PDB file of N, CA and C in Angstrom:
ATOM      1  N   MET A   1     -13.644  48.906  54.063  1.00  0.00           N
ATOM      2  CA  MET A   1     -12.489  48.310  53.428  1.00  0.00           C
ATOM      3  C   MET A   1     -12.848  46.898  52.969  1.00  0.00           C
ATOM      4  N   VAL A   2     -12.392  46.536  51.783  1.00  0.00           N
ATOM      5  CA  VAL A   2     -12.609  45.200  51.254  1.00  0.00           C
ATOM      6  C   VAL A   2     -11.270  44.476  51.253  1.00  0.00           C
ATOM      7  N   ALA A   3     -11.236  43.317  51.871  1.00  0.00           N
ATOM      8  CA  ALA A   3     -10.025  42.491  51.895  1.00  0.00           C
ATOM      9  C   ALA A   3     -10.420  41.067  51.591  1.00  0.00           C
ATOM     10  N   LYS A   4      -9.551  40.361  50.902  1.00  0.00           N
ATOM     11  CA  LYS A   4      -9.808  38.957  50.603  1.00  0.00           C
ATOM     12  C   LYS A   4      -8.897  38.104  51.456  1.00  0.00           C
ATOM     13  N   PHE A   5      -9.499  37.115  52.114  1.00  0.00           N
ATOM     14  CA  PHE A   5      -8.743  36.199  52.948  1.00  0.00           C
ATOM     15  C   PHE A   5      -8.925  34.788  52.422  1.00  0.00           C
ATOM     16  N   SER A   6      -7.966  33.952  52.740  1.00  0.00           N
ATOM     17  CA  SER A   6      -8.114  32.538  52.419  1.00  0.00           C
ATOM     18  C   SER A   6      -9.010  31.899  53.463  1.00  0.00           C
ATOM     19  N   ARG A   7      -9.193  30.623  53.338  1.00  0.00           N
ATOM     20  CA  ARG A   7      -9.952  29.879  54.348  1.00  0.00           C
ATOM     21  C   ARG A   7      -9.305  30.097  55.707  1.00  0.00           C
ATOM     22  N   ALA A   8     -10.121  30.239  56.735  1.00  0.00           N
ATOM     23  CA  ALA A   8      -9.590  30.450  58.085  1.00  0.00           C
ATOM     24  C   ALA A   8      -8.707  29.275  58.487  1.00  0.00           C
ATOM     25  N   GLN A   9      -7.537  29.589  59.019  1.00  0.00           N
ATOM     26  CA  GLN A   9      -6.609  28.548  59.460  1.00  0.00           C
ATOM     27  C   GLN A   9      -6.935  28.080  60.869  1.00  0.00           C
ATOM     28  N   ASN A  10      -7.551  28.950  61.613  1.00  0.00           N
ATOM     29  CA  ASN A  10      -7.923  28.650  62.994  1.00  0.00           C
ATOM     30  C   ASN A  10      -9.050  29.615  63.339  1.00  0.00           C
ATOM     31  N   MET A  11     -10.096  29.102  63.988  1.00  0.00           N
ATOM     32  CA  MET A  11     -11.217  29.981  64.307  1.00  0.00           C
ATOM     33  C   MET A  11     -11.820  29.583  65.645  1.00  0.00           C
ATOM     34  N   SER A  12     -12.293  30.583  66.354  1.00  0.00           N
ATOM     35  CA  SER A  12     -13.026  30.368  67.598  1.00  0.00           C
ATOM     36  C   SER A  12     -14.163  31.375  67.629  1.00  0.00           C
ATOM     37  N   LEU A  13     -14.925  31.386  68.709  1.00  0.00           N
ATOM     38  CA  LEU A  13     -15.996  32.377  68.822  1.00  0.00           C
ATOM     39  C   LEU A  13     -15.434  33.779  69.016  1.00  0.00           C
ATOM     40  N   GLY A  14     -14.150  33.892  69.396  1.00  0.00           N
ATOM     41  CA  GLY A  14     -13.549  35.196  69.653  1.00  0.00           C
ATOM     42  C   GLY A  14     -12.747  35.779  68.508  1.00  0.00           C
ATOM     43  N   GLY A  15     -12.412  34.952  67.507  1.00  0.00           N
ATOM     44  CA  GLY A  15     -11.606  35.474  66.417  1.00  0.00           C
ATOM     45  C   GLY A  15     -11.172  34.397  65.454  1.00  0.00           C
ATOM     46  N   ALA A  16     -10.255  34.793  64.556  1.00  0.00           N
ATOM     47  CA  ALA A  16      -9.793  33.859  63.536  1.00  0.00           C
ATOM     48  C   ALA A  16      -8.377  34.215  63.102  1.00  0.00           C
ATOM     49  N   ARG A  17      -7.684  33.212  62.614  1.00  0.00           N
ATOM     50  CA  ARG A  17      -6.371  33.390  61.989  1.00  0.00           C
ATOM     51  C   ARG A  17      -6.550  33.074  60.510  1.00  0.00           C
ATOM     52  N   VAL A  18      -6.148  34.017  59.661  1.00  0.00           N
ATOM     53  CA  VAL A  18      -6.315  33.856  58.219  1.00  0.00           C
ATOM     54  C   VAL A  18      -5.028  34.253  57.503  1.00  0.00           C
ATOM     55  N   PHE A  19      -4.925  33.876  56.242  1.00  0.00           N
ATOM     56  CA  PHE A  19      -3.833  34.328  55.394  1.00  0.00           C
ATOM     57  C   PHE A  19      -4.361  35.424  54.482  1.00  0.00           C
ATOM     58  N   SER A  20      -3.489  36.398  54.173  1.00  0.00           N
ATOM     59  CA  SER A  20      -3.876  37.489  53.283  1.00  0.00           C
ATOM     60  C   SER A  20      -2.670  37.930  52.462  1.00  0.00           C
ATOM     61  N   ASP A  21      -2.917  38.355  51.236  1.00  0.00           N
ATOM     62  CA  ASP A  21      -1.859  38.956  50.427  1.00  0.00           C
ATOM     63  C   ASP A  21      -1.810  40.467  50.618  1.00  0.00           C
ATOM     64  N   GLU A  22      -2.804  41.011  51.323  1.00  0.00           N
ATOM     65  CA  GLU A  22      -2.849  42.450  51.572  1.00  0.00           C
ATOM     66  C   GLU A  22      -2.267  42.767  52.945  1.00  0.00           C
ATOM     67  N   LYS A  23      -1.450  43.821  53.002  1.00  0.00           N
ATOM     68  CA  LYS A  23      -0.909  44.259  54.284  1.00  0.00           C
ATOM     69  C   LYS A  23      -1.933  45.183  54.929  1.00  0.00           C
ATOM     70  N   LEU A  24      -2.569  44.692  55.968  1.00  0.00           N
ATOM     71  CA  LEU A  24      -3.591  45.466  56.678  1.00  0.00           C
ATOM     72  C   LEU A  24      -2.961  46.173  57.866  1.00  0.00           C
ATOM     73  N   LYS A  25      -3.526  47.294  58.246  1.00  0.00           N
ATOM     74  CA  LYS A  25      -3.035  48.022  59.414  1.00  0.00           C
ATOM     75  C   LYS A  25      -3.647  47.439  60.677  1.00  0.00           C
ATOM     76  N   LEU A  26      -2.850  47.433  61.756  1.00  0.00           N
ATOM     77  CA  LEU A  26      -3.370  46.989  63.047  1.00  0.00           C
ATOM     78  C   LEU A  26      -4.583  47.818  63.434  1.00  0.00           C
ATOM     79  N   ASN A  27      -5.523  47.191  64.087  1.00  0.00           N
ATOM     80  CA  ASN A  27      -6.758  47.803  64.579  1.00  0.00           C
ATOM     81  C   ASN A  27      -7.738  48.211  63.480  1.00  0.00           C
ATOM     82  N   THR A  28      -7.445  47.881  62.218  1.00  0.00           N
ATOM     83  CA  THR A  28      -8.401  48.146  61.146  1.00  0.00           C
ATOM     84  C   THR A  28      -9.650  47.324  61.400  1.00  0.00           C
ATOM     85  N   LYS A  29     -10.816  47.967  61.296  1.00  0.00           N
ATOM     86  CA  LYS A  29     -12.080  47.256  61.490  1.00  0.00           C
ATOM     87  C   LYS A  29     -12.598  46.774  60.144  1.00  0.00           C
ATOM     88  N   LEU A  30     -13.090  45.543  60.142  1.00  0.00           N
ATOM     89  CA  LEU A  30     -13.571  44.909  58.923  1.00  0.00           C
ATOM     90  C   LEU A  30     -14.941  44.306  59.153  1.00  0.00           C
ATOM     91  N   ASN A  31     -15.814  44.438  58.179  1.00  0.00           N
ATOM     92  CA  ASN A  31     -17.085  43.711  58.191  1.00  0.00           C
ATOM     93  C   ASN A  31     -16.840  42.412  57.434  1.00  0.00           C
ATOM     94  N   LEU A  32     -16.865  41.302  58.141  1.00  0.00           N
ATOM     95  CA  LEU A  32     -16.593  40.008  57.529  1.00  0.00           C
ATOM     96  C   LEU A  32     -17.880  39.308  57.148  1.00  0.00           C
ATOM     97  N   GLU A  33     -17.810  38.600  56.070  1.00  0.00           N
ATOM     98  CA  GLU A  33     -18.908  37.729  55.664  1.00  0.00           C
ATOM     99  C   GLU A  33     -18.290  36.338  55.524  1.00  0.00           C
ATOM    100  N   LEU A  34     -18.592  35.472  56.484  1.00  0.00           N
ATOM    101  CA  LEU A  34     -18.035  34.127  56.493  1.00  0.00           C
ATOM    102  C   LEU A  34     -19.010  33.164  55.849  1.00  0.00           C
ATOM    103  N   LEU A  35     -18.505  32.320  54.999  1.00  0.00           N
ATOM    104  CA  LEU A  35     -19.335  31.311  54.357  1.00  0.00           C
ATOM    105  C   LEU A  35     -19.632  30.218  55.368  1.00  0.00           C
ATOM    106  N   ALA A  36     -20.911  30.064  55.695  1.00  0.00           N
ATOM    107  CA  ALA A  36     -21.319  29.095  56.714  1.00  0.00           C
ATOM    108  C   ALA A  36     -21.794  27.790  56.101  1.00  0.00           C
ATOM    109  N   GLY A  37     -22.082  27.808  54.841  1.00  0.00           N
ATOM    110  CA  GLY A  37     -22.585  26.630  54.151  1.00  0.00           C
ATOM    111  C   GLY A  37     -22.807  27.001  52.703  1.00  0.00           C
ATOM    112  N   PRO A  38     -23.325  26.079  51.920  1.00  0.00           N
ATOM    113  CA  PRO A  38     -23.516  26.373  50.501  1.00  0.00           C
ATOM    114  C   PRO A  38     -24.385  27.604  50.237  1.00  0.00           C
ATOM    115  N   ASP A  39     -25.363  27.846  51.087  1.00  0.00           N
ATOM    116  CA  ASP A  39     -26.286  28.960  50.854  1.00  0.00           C
ATOM    117  C   ASP A  39     -26.428  29.899  52.033  1.00  0.00           C
ATOM    118  N   SER A  40     -25.447  29.907  52.951  1.00  0.00           N
ATOM    119  CA  SER A  40     -25.596  30.788  54.109  1.00  0.00           C
ATOM    120  C   SER A  40     -24.259  31.409  54.503  1.00  0.00           C
ATOM    121  N   THR A  41     -24.349  32.610  55.051  1.00  0.00           N
ATOM    122  CA  THR A  41     -23.164  33.326  55.510  1.00  0.00           C
ATOM    123  C   THR A  41     -23.403  33.839  56.928  1.00  0.00           C
ATOM    124  N   VAL A  42     -22.299  34.185  57.590  1.00  0.00           N
ATOM    125  CA  VAL A  42     -22.346  34.787  58.918  1.00  0.00           C
ATOM    126  C   VAL A  42     -21.639  36.127  58.805  1.00  0.00           C
ATOM    127  N   GLN A  43     -22.291  37.220  59.230  1.00  0.00           N
ATOM    128  CA  GLN A  43     -21.689  38.544  59.154  1.00  0.00           C
ATOM    129  C   GLN A  43     -21.204  38.968  60.537  1.00  0.00           C
ATOM    130  N   ILE A  44     -19.945  39.421  60.585  1.00  0.00           N
ATOM    131  CA  ILE A  44     -19.282  39.722  61.852  1.00  0.00           C
ATOM    132  C   ILE A  44     -18.415  40.967  61.682  1.00  0.00           C
ATOM    133  N   LEU A  45     -18.405  41.833  62.700  1.00  0.00           N
ATOM    134  CA  LEU A  45     -17.472  42.952  62.742  1.00  0.00           C
ATOM    135  C   LEU A  45     -16.211  42.464  63.449  1.00  0.00           C
ATOM    136  N   ALA A  46     -15.053  42.699  62.829  1.00  0.00           N
ATOM    137  CA  ALA A  46     -13.782  42.244  63.398  1.00  0.00           C
ATOM    138  C   ALA A  46     -12.745  43.348  63.282  1.00  0.00           C
ATOM    139  N   ARG A  47     -11.634  43.174  64.003  1.00  0.00           N
ATOM    140  CA  ARG A  47     -10.510  44.101  63.871  1.00  0.00           C
ATOM    141  C   ARG A  47      -9.239  43.292  63.695  1.00  0.00           C
ATOM    142  N   VAL A  48      -8.266  43.882  63.028  1.00  0.00           N
ATOM    143  CA  VAL A  48      -6.971  43.236  62.840  1.00  0.00           C
ATOM    144  C   VAL A  48      -6.216  43.353  64.159  1.00  0.00           C
ATOM    145  N   ALA A  49      -6.013  42.234  64.828  1.00  0.00           N
ATOM    146  CA  ALA A  49      -5.339  42.213  66.130  1.00  0.00           C
ATOM    147  C   ALA A  49      -3.828  42.093  65.981  1.00  0.00           C
ATOM    148  N   TRP A  50      -3.373  41.364  64.971  1.00  0.00           N
ATOM    149  CA  TRP A  50      -1.944  41.228  64.682  1.00  0.00           C
ATOM    150  C   TRP A  50      -1.759  40.826  63.233  1.00  0.00           C
ATOM    151  N   ILE A  51      -0.559  41.102  62.723  1.00  0.00           N
ATOM    152  CA  ILE A  51      -0.226  40.732  61.345  1.00  0.00           C
ATOM    153  C   ILE A  51       1.266  40.437  61.285  1.00  0.00           C
ATOM    154  N   ASP A  52       1.615  39.301  60.685  1.00  0.00           N
ATOM    155  CA  ASP A  52       3.002  38.887  60.559  1.00  0.00           C
ATOM    156  C   ASP A  52       3.316  38.583  59.100  1.00  0.00           C
ATOM    157  N   PRO A  53       4.451  39.083  58.612  1.00  0.00           N
ATOM    158  CA  PRO A  53       4.839  38.738  57.246  1.00  0.00           C
ATOM    159  C   PRO A  53       5.248  37.266  57.168  1.00  0.00           C
ATOM    160  N   LEU A  54       4.980  36.654  56.032  1.00  0.00           N
ATOM    161  CA  LEU A  54       5.339  35.257  55.803  1.00  0.00           C
ATOM    162  C   LEU A  54       6.430  35.176  54.742  1.00  0.00           C
ATOM    163  N   GLY A  55       7.096  34.045  54.683  1.00  0.00           N
ATOM    164  CA  GLY A  55       8.182  33.845  53.727  1.00  0.00           C
ATOM    165  C   GLY A  55       7.695  33.632  52.305  1.00  0.00           C
ATOM    166  N   ASN A  56       8.650  33.544  51.387  1.00  0.00           N
ATOM    167  CA  ASN A  56       8.334  33.398  49.965  1.00  0.00           C
ATOM    168  C   ASN A  56       7.597  32.111  49.636  1.00  0.00           C
ATOM    169  N   ASP A  57       7.826  31.048  50.384  1.00  0.00           N
ATOM    170  CA  ASP A  57       7.183  29.763  50.077  1.00  0.00           C
ATOM    171  C   ASP A  57       5.858  29.577  50.813  1.00  0.00           C
ATOM    172  N   ALA A  58       5.381  30.622  51.472  1.00  0.00           N
ATOM    173  CA  ALA A  58       4.126  30.562  52.236  1.00  0.00           C
ATOM    174  C   ALA A  58       2.921  30.666  51.304  1.00  0.00           C
ATOM    175  N   PRO A  59       1.747  30.272  51.792  1.00  0.00           N
ATOM    176  CA  PRO A  59       0.541  30.343  50.962  1.00  0.00           C
ATOM    177  C   PRO A  59       0.033  31.765  50.714  1.00  0.00           C
ATOM    178  N   ALA A  60       0.557  32.750  51.447  1.00  0.00           N
ATOM    179  CA  ALA A  60       0.157  34.151  51.276  1.00  0.00           C
ATOM    180  C   ALA A  60       1.288  35.034  51.798  1.00  0.00           C
ATOM    181  N   ARG A  61       1.144  36.328  51.651  1.00  0.00           N
ATOM    182  CA  ARG A  61       2.187  37.249  52.115  1.00  0.00           C
ATOM    183  C   ARG A  61       2.124  37.514  53.614  1.00  0.00           C
ATOM    184  N   PHE A  62       0.897  37.401  54.219  1.00  0.00           N
ATOM    185  CA  PHE A  62       0.751  37.754  55.627  1.00  0.00           C
ATOM    186  C   PHE A  62      -0.108  36.743  56.384  1.00  0.00           C
ATOM    187  N   ASP A  63       0.230  36.550  57.635  1.00  0.00           N
ATOM    188  CA  ASP A  63      -0.551  35.769  58.589  1.00  0.00           C
ATOM    189  C   ASP A  63      -1.272  36.809  59.447  1.00  0.00           C
ATOM    190  N   VAL A  64      -2.596  36.733  59.531  1.00  0.00           N
ATOM    191  CA  VAL A  64      -3.386  37.804  60.156  1.00  0.00           C
ATOM    192  C   VAL A  64      -4.266  37.238  61.268  1.00  0.00           C
ATOM    193  N   GLY A  65      -4.239  37.896  62.414  1.00  0.00           N
ATOM    194  CA  GLY A  65      -5.124  37.542  63.521  1.00  0.00           C
ATOM    195  C   GLY A  65      -6.276  38.531  63.581  1.00  0.00           C
ATOM    196  N   LEU A  66      -7.481  38.022  63.555  1.00  0.00           N
ATOM    197  CA  LEU A  66      -8.675  38.864  63.613  1.00  0.00           C
ATOM    198  C   LEU A  66      -9.402  38.631  64.932  1.00  0.00           C
ATOM    199  N   GLU A  67      -9.819  39.703  65.571  1.00  0.00           N
ATOM    200  CA  GLU A  67     -10.632  39.622  66.785  1.00  0.00           C
ATOM    201  C   GLU A  67     -12.055  39.998  66.416  1.00  0.00           C
ATOM    202  N   PHE A  68     -13.000  39.130  66.754  1.00  0.00           N
ATOM    203  CA  PHE A  68     -14.399  39.429  66.491  1.00  0.00           C
ATOM    204  C   PHE A  68     -14.884  40.430  67.534  1.00  0.00           C
ATOM    205  N   LEU A  69     -15.450  41.554  67.074  1.00  0.00           N
ATOM    206  CA  LEU A  69     -15.888  42.621  67.978  1.00  0.00           C
ATOM    207  C   LEU A  69     -17.382  42.596  68.245  1.00  0.00           C
ATOM    208  N   ASP A  70     -18.147  42.467  67.216  1.00  0.00           N
ATOM    209  CA  ASP A  70     -19.592  42.569  67.370  1.00  0.00           C
ATOM    210  C   ASP A  70     -20.239  41.444  66.575  1.00  0.00           C
ATOM    211  N   VAL A  71     -20.661  40.435  67.305  1.00  0.00           N
ATOM    212  CA  VAL A  71     -21.316  39.304  66.660  1.00  0.00           C
ATOM    213  C   VAL A  71     -22.738  39.249  67.207  1.00  0.00           C
ATOM    214  N   PRO A  72     -23.726  39.578  66.390  1.00  0.00           N
ATOM    215  CA  PRO A  72     -25.115  39.507  66.863  1.00  0.00           C
ATOM    216  C   PRO A  72     -25.435  38.098  67.366  1.00  0.00           C
ATOM    217  N   GLU A  73     -26.319  38.001  68.327  1.00  0.00           N
ATOM    218  CA  GLU A  73     -26.648  36.719  68.960  1.00  0.00           C
ATOM    219  C   GLU A  73     -27.018  35.649  67.938  1.00  0.00           C
ATOM    220  N   GLU A  74     -27.821  36.019  66.951  1.00  0.00           N
ATOM    221  CA  GLU A  74     -28.215  35.059  65.918  1.00  0.00           C
ATOM    222  C   GLU A  74     -26.984  34.536  65.170  1.00  0.00           C
ATOM    223  N   MET A  75     -26.049  35.451  64.877  1.00  0.00           N
ATOM    224  CA  MET A  75     -24.838  35.058  64.169  1.00  0.00           C
ATOM    225  C   MET A  75     -23.933  34.211  65.074  1.00  0.00           C
ATOM    226  N   MET A  76     -23.917  34.542  66.376  1.00  0.00           N
ATOM    227  CA  MET A  76     -23.089  33.788  67.324  1.00  0.00           C
ATOM    228  C   MET A  76     -23.537  32.331  67.364  1.00  0.00           C
ATOM    229  N   SER A  77     -24.839  32.097  67.375  1.00  0.00           N
ATOM    230  CA  SER A  77     -25.330  30.719  67.424  1.00  0.00           C
ATOM    231  C   SER A  77     -25.016  29.993  66.120  1.00  0.00           C
ATOM    232  N   ARG A  78     -25.111  30.694  64.977  1.00  0.00           N
ATOM    233  CA  ARG A  78     -24.753  30.070  63.699  1.00  0.00           C
ATOM    234  C   ARG A  78     -23.267  29.750  63.655  1.00  0.00           C
ATOM    235  N   LEU A  79     -22.441  30.689  64.140  1.00  0.00           N
ATOM    236  CA  LEU A  79     -20.998  30.468  64.164  1.00  0.00           C
ATOM    237  C   LEU A  79     -20.652  29.307  65.091  1.00  0.00           C
ATOM    238  N   ALA A  80     -21.314  29.247  66.243  1.00  0.00           N
ATOM    239  CA  ALA A  80     -21.074  28.138  67.184  1.00  0.00           C
ATOM    240  C   ALA A  80     -21.417  26.803  66.538  1.00  0.00           C
ATOM    241  N   ALA A  81     -22.491  26.761  65.762  1.00  0.00           N
ATOM    242  CA  ALA A  81     -22.875  25.515  65.078  1.00  0.00           C
ATOM    243  C   ALA A  81     -21.829  25.124  64.047  1.00  0.00           C
ATOM    244  N   ILE A  82     -21.291  26.098  63.325  1.00  0.00           N
ATOM    245  CA  ILE A  82     -20.245  25.812  62.340  1.00  0.00           C
ATOM    246  C   ILE A  82     -19.011  25.256  63.036  1.00  0.00           C
ATOM    247  N   LEU A  83     -18.596  25.910  64.127  1.00  0.00           N
ATOM    248  CA  LEU A  83     -17.403  25.469  64.842  1.00  0.00           C
ATOM    249  C   LEU A  83     -17.590  24.083  65.446  1.00  0.00           C
ATOM    250  N   LYS A  84     -18.810  23.791  65.906  1.00  0.00           N
ATOM    251  CA  LYS A  84     -19.080  22.466  66.463  1.00  0.00           C
ATOM    252  C   LYS A  84     -18.889  21.395  65.393  1.00  0.00           C
ATOM    253  N   LYS A  85     -19.362  21.674  64.179  1.00  0.00           N
ATOM    254  CA  LYS A  85     -19.173  20.715  63.083  1.00  0.00           C
ATOM    255  C   LYS A  85     -17.693  20.511  62.828  1.00  0.00           C
ATOM    256  N   ASP A  86     -16.905  21.588  62.826  1.00  0.00           N
ATOM    257  CA  ASP A  86     -15.460  21.476  62.603  1.00  0.00           C
ATOM    258  C   ASP A  86     -14.805  20.671  63.714  1.00  0.00           C
ATOM    259  N   GLU A  87     -15.206  20.903  64.976  1.00  0.00           N
ATOM    260  CA  GLU A  87     -14.641  20.157  66.096  1.00  0.00           C
ATOM    261  C   GLU A  87     -14.946  18.671  65.963  1.00  0.00           C
ATOM    262  N   GLU A  88     -16.164  18.354  65.539  1.00  0.00           N
ATOM    263  CA  GLU A  88     -16.522  16.953  65.353  1.00  0.00           C
ATOM    264  C   GLU A  88     -15.672  16.331  64.250  1.00  0.00           C
ATOM    265  N   TYR A  89     -15.421  17.073  63.184  1.00  0.00           N
ATOM    266  CA  TYR A  89     -14.599  16.564  62.090  1.00  0.00           C
ATOM    267  C   TYR A  89     -13.169  16.315  62.574  1.00  0.00           C
ATOM    268  N   VAL A  90     -12.600  17.291  63.294  1.00  0.00           N
ATOM    269  CA  VAL A  90     -11.232  17.141  63.798  1.00  0.00           C
ATOM    270  C   VAL A  90     -11.162  15.960  64.751  1.00  0.00           C
ATOM    271  N   ARG A  91     -12.136  15.839  65.632  1.00  0.00           N
ATOM    272  CA  ARG A  91     -12.153  14.729  66.585  1.00  0.00           C
ATOM    273  C   ARG A  91     -12.230  13.398  65.841  1.00  0.00           C
ATOM    274  N   HIS A  92     -13.042  13.346  64.806  1.00  0.00           N
ATOM    275  CA  HIS A  92     -13.156  12.127  64.005  1.00  0.00           C
ATOM    276  C   HIS A  92     -11.814  11.782  63.356  1.00  0.00           C
ATOM    277  N   MET A  93     -11.122  12.802  62.830  1.00  0.00           N
ATOM    278  CA  MET A  93      -9.846  12.565  62.162  1.00  0.00           C
ATOM    279  C   MET A  93      -8.764  12.137  63.147  1.00  0.00           C
ATOM    280  N   GLU A  94      -8.847  12.606  64.399  1.00  0.00           N
ATOM    281  CA  GLU A  94      -7.826  12.276  65.393  1.00  0.00           C
ATOM    282  C   GLU A  94      -8.095  10.961  66.110  1.00  0.00           C
ATOM    283  N   THR A  95      -9.311  10.436  66.018  1.00  0.00           N
ATOM    284  CA  THR A  95      -9.672   9.200  66.704  1.00  0.00           C
ATOM    285  C   THR A  95      -9.059   8.014  65.958  1.00  0.00           C
ATOM    286  N   PRO A  96      -8.264   7.193  66.659  1.00  0.00           N
ATOM    287  CA  PRO A  96      -7.670   6.043  65.985  1.00  0.00           C
ATOM    288  C   PRO A  96      -8.754   5.079  65.505  1.00  0.00           C
ATOM    289  N   GLN A  97      -8.527   4.542  64.339  1.00  0.00           N
ATOM    290  CA  GLN A  97      -9.468   3.582  63.789  1.00  0.00           C
ATOM    291  C   GLN A  97      -9.286   2.246  64.506  1.00  0.00           C
ATOM    292  N   PRO A  98     -10.364   1.487  64.678  1.00  0.00           N
ATOM    293  CA  PRO A  98     -10.246   0.197  65.343  1.00  0.00           C
ATOM    294  C   PRO A  98      -9.316  -0.722  64.549  1.00  0.00           C
ATOM    295  N   ARG A  99      -8.564  -1.500  65.284  1.00  0.00           N
ATOM    296  CA  ARG A  99      -7.629  -2.410  64.630  1.00  0.00           C
ATOM    297  C   ARG A  99      -8.365  -3.625  64.101  1.00  0.00           C
ATOM    298  N   ASP A 100      -7.808  -4.187  63.082  1.00  0.00           N
ATOM    299  CA  ASP A 100      -8.364  -5.389  62.472  1.00  0.00           C
ATOM    300  C   ASP A 100      -8.034  -6.577  63.378  1.00  0.00           C
ATOM    301  N   PRO A 101      -9.041  -7.296  63.889  1.00  0.00           N
ATOM    302  CA  PRO A 101      -8.781  -8.413  64.811  1.00  0.00           C
ATOM    303  C   PRO A 101      -7.890  -9.497  64.200  1.00  0.00           C
ATOM    304  N   VAL A 102      -7.916  -9.635  62.899  1.00  0.00           N
ATOM    305  CA  VAL A 102      -7.071 -10.649  62.264  1.00  0.00           C
ATOM    306  C   VAL A 102      -5.602 -10.336  62.512  1.00  0.00           C
ATOM    307  N   TRP A 103      -5.227  -9.060  62.370  1.00  0.00           N
ATOM    308  CA  TRP A 103      -3.833  -8.673  62.595  1.00  0.00           C
ATOM    309  C   TRP A 103      -3.466  -8.780  64.067  1.00  0.00           C
ATOM    310  N   GLU A 104      -4.389  -8.486  64.958  1.00  0.00           N
ATOM    311  CA  GLU A 104      -4.106  -8.595  66.391  1.00  0.00           C
ATOM    312  C   GLU A 104      -3.771 -10.030  66.768  1.00  0.00           C
ATOM    313  N   ASP A 105      -4.472 -11.008  66.185  1.00  0.00           N
ATOM    314  CA  ASP A 105      -4.190 -12.418  66.466  1.00  0.00           C
ATOM    315  C   ASP A 105      -2.772 -12.767  66.039  1.00  0.00           C
ATOM    316  N   ASP A 106      -2.352 -12.277  64.881  1.00  0.00           N
ATOM    317  CA  ASP A 106      -0.996 -12.557  64.390  1.00  0.00           C
ATOM    318  C   ASP A 106       0.046 -11.970  65.317  1.00  0.00           C
ATOM    319  N   GLU A 107      -0.208 -10.725  65.849  1.00  0.00           N
ATOM    320  CA  GLU A 107       0.736 -10.080  66.741  1.00  0.00           C
ATOM    321  C   GLU A 107       0.873 -10.852  68.040  1.00  0.00           C
ATOM    322  N   GLU A 108      -0.244 -11.368  68.573  1.00  0.00           N
ATOM    323  CA  GLU A 108      -0.199 -12.132  69.814  1.00  0.00           C
ATOM    324  C   GLU A 108       0.616 -13.408  69.611  1.00  0.00           C
ATOM    325  N   GLU A 109       0.469 -14.077  68.476  1.00  0.00           N
ATOM    326  CA  GLU A 109       1.250 -15.284  68.197  1.00  0.00           C
ATOM    327  C   GLU A 109       2.727 -14.966  68.081  1.00  0.00           C
ATOM    328  N   ASP A 110       3.059 -13.846  67.434  1.00  0.00           N
ATOM    329  CA  ASP A 110       4.461 -13.440  67.296  1.00  0.00           C
ATOM    330  C   ASP A 110       5.079 -13.181  68.667  1.00  0.00           C
ATOM    331  N   GLU A 111       4.313 -12.538  69.584  1.00  0.00           N
ATOM    332  CA  GLU A 111       4.822 -12.261  70.931  1.00  0.00           C
ATOM    333  C   GLU A 111       5.055 -13.547  71.701  1.00  0.00           C
ATOM    334  N   LYS A 112       4.212 -14.559  71.542  1.00  0.00           N
ATOM    335  CA  LYS A 112       4.371 -15.832  72.252  1.00  0.00           C
ATOM    336  C   LYS A 112       5.623 -16.559  71.768  1.00  0.00           C
ATOM    337  N   LYS A 113       5.957 -16.432  70.487  1.00  0.00           N
ATOM    338  CA  LYS A 113       7.120 -17.094  69.929  1.00  0.00           C
ATOM    339  C   LYS A 113       8.406 -16.486  70.453  1.00  0.00           C
ATOM    340  N   GLN A 114       8.370 -15.230  70.832  1.00  0.00           N
ATOM    341  CA  GLN A 114       9.596 -14.550  71.268  1.00  0.00           C
ATOM    342  C   GLN A 114       9.928 -14.820  72.666  1.00  0.00           C
TER     343      GLN A 114
END
């Protein structure tokens, strides 16, 4: 079966959450080819674990949960490397940026005046 999915909304070593315009049947097995980089892919056997319809203003018709069934060891290590990069990116985005010391001095003066 050939199905087109959007970019994974959530992914782990055990599965992924994706959007799809196709209504897939539960337990359908899919051979996935995930884009790992500009010139590399990761091939994984997965099954449709759950599927939920989405509203009219959603990015797709269905929210789909995929369970990875058979990931060869070589692919598992490549997938782990991809996920590690994503975790580092998320961590970077969530880390507060250092405050500007100039503004901190102004805040301390304002507190002393009060």
